[in-house]
């Protein structure tokens, strides 16, 4: 089928980790989402990780 790409096929992958104050939001554990965009015939995939703010320092 022309124009078909499997979900795991992409040209660029960006991983975004959102880290905030542990007392400012009610995230439990980790929330995760993906978003794919087609820009100039390139597939750009973003993985967004929203953490609970309990990362080690």
C-alpha atoms as a PDB file:
ATOM      1  CA  UNK A   1       0.000   0.000   0.000  1.00  0.00           C
ATOM      2  CA  UNK A   2       1.506   3.343  -1.023  1.00  0.00           C
ATOM      3  CA  UNK A   3       2.241   5.790   1.766  1.00  0.00           C
ATOM      4  CA  UNK A   4       1.917   3.211   4.544  1.00  0.00           C
ATOM      5  CA  UNK A   5       4.466   3.248   7.346  1.00  0.00           C
ATOM      6  CA  UNK A   6       4.452   0.999  10.368  1.00  0.00           C
ATOM      7  CA  UNK A   7       4.054   2.742  13.732  1.00  0.00           C
ATOM      8  CA  UNK A   8       7.694   2.079  14.653  1.00  0.00           C
ATOM      9  CA  UNK A   9       9.063   3.660  11.450  1.00  0.00           C
ATOM     10  CA  UNK A  10      10.201   7.267  11.723  1.00  0.00           C
ATOM     11  CA  UNK A  11      12.900   9.576  10.431  1.00  0.00           C
ATOM     12  CA  UNK A  12      13.493  11.459  13.686  1.00  0.00           C
ATOM     13  CA  UNK A  13      12.753  10.556  17.294  1.00  0.00           C
ATOM     14  CA  UNK A  14      12.604  13.092  20.107  1.00  0.00           C
ATOM     15  CA  UNK A  15      12.336  11.995  23.735  1.00  0.00           C
ATOM     16  CA  UNK A  16      11.045  14.681  26.088  1.00  0.00           C
ATOM     17  CA  UNK A  17      11.203  14.224  29.852  1.00  0.00           C
ATOM     18  CA  UNK A  18       9.181  16.679  31.920  1.00  0.00           C
ATOM     19  CA  UNK A  19      10.593  17.091  35.415  1.00  0.00           C
ATOM     20  CA  UNK A  20       8.910  19.353  37.910  1.00  0.00           C
ATOM     21  CA  UNK A  21       8.380  19.993  41.577  1.00  0.00           C
ATOM     22  CA  UNK A  22       7.153  16.809  43.272  1.00  0.00           C
ATOM     23  CA  UNK A  23       4.555  18.764  45.246  1.00  0.00           C
ATOM     24  CA  UNK A  24       3.072  20.738  42.354  1.00  0.00           C
ATOM     25  CA  UNK A  25       1.225  18.083  40.363  1.00  0.00           C
ATOM     26  CA  UNK A  26      -0.653  14.874  40.998  1.00  0.00           C
ATOM     27  CA  UNK A  27       1.269  12.627  38.581  1.00  0.00           C
ATOM     28  CA  UNK A  28       1.438   9.130  40.025  1.00  0.00           C
ATOM     29  CA  UNK A  29       4.532   7.350  38.780  1.00  0.00           C
ATOM     30  CA  UNK A  30       5.093   8.174  35.124  1.00  0.00           C
ATOM     31  CA  UNK A  31       2.684   9.285  32.405  1.00  0.00           C
ATOM     32  CA  UNK A  32       3.718   8.537  28.815  1.00  0.00           C
ATOM     33  CA  UNK A  33       2.413   9.667  25.436  1.00  0.00           C
ATOM     34  CA  UNK A  34       3.584   9.560  21.831  1.00  0.00           C
ATOM     35  CA  UNK A  35       2.843  11.880  18.959  1.00  0.00           C
ATOM     36  CA  UNK A  36       3.852  11.479  15.326  1.00  0.00           C
ATOM     37  CA  UNK A  37       3.972  14.355  12.858  1.00  0.00           C
ATOM     38  CA  UNK A  38       4.593  14.402   9.126  1.00  0.00           C
ATOM     39  CA  UNK A  39       6.636  17.460   8.146  1.00  0.00           C
ATOM     40  CA  UNK A  40       8.224  17.840   4.692  1.00  0.00           C
ATOM     41  CA  UNK A  41       7.662  14.115   3.986  1.00  0.00           C
ATOM     42  CA  UNK A  42       9.579  13.167   7.140  1.00  0.00           C
ATOM     43  CA  UNK A  43       7.981  11.319  10.029  1.00  0.00           C
ATOM     44  CA  UNK A  44       8.866  12.903  13.355  1.00  0.00           C
ATOM     45  CA  UNK A  45       7.962  10.966  16.477  1.00  0.00           C
ATOM     46  CA  UNK A  46       7.929  12.487  19.957  1.00  0.00           C
ATOM     47  CA  UNK A  47       7.871  10.441  23.152  1.00  0.00           C
ATOM     48  CA  UNK A  48       6.723  12.557  26.094  1.00  0.00           C
ATOM     49  CA  UNK A  49       7.455  11.352  29.617  1.00  0.00           C
ATOM     50  CA  UNK A  50       5.862  13.215  32.545  1.00  0.00           C
ATOM     51  CA  UNK A  51       7.453  12.084  35.802  1.00  0.00           C
ATOM     52  CA  UNK A  52       6.337  12.517  39.388  1.00  0.00           C
ATOM     53  CA  UNK A  53       9.317  14.771  40.192  1.00  0.00           C
ATOM     54  CA  UNK A  54      11.087  12.203  42.372  1.00  0.00           C
ATOM     55  CA  UNK A  55      14.218  11.848  40.248  1.00  0.00           C
ATOM     56  CA  UNK A  56      17.581  11.387  41.915  1.00  0.00           C
ATOM     57  CA  UNK A  57      19.927  14.349  42.029  1.00  0.00           C
END
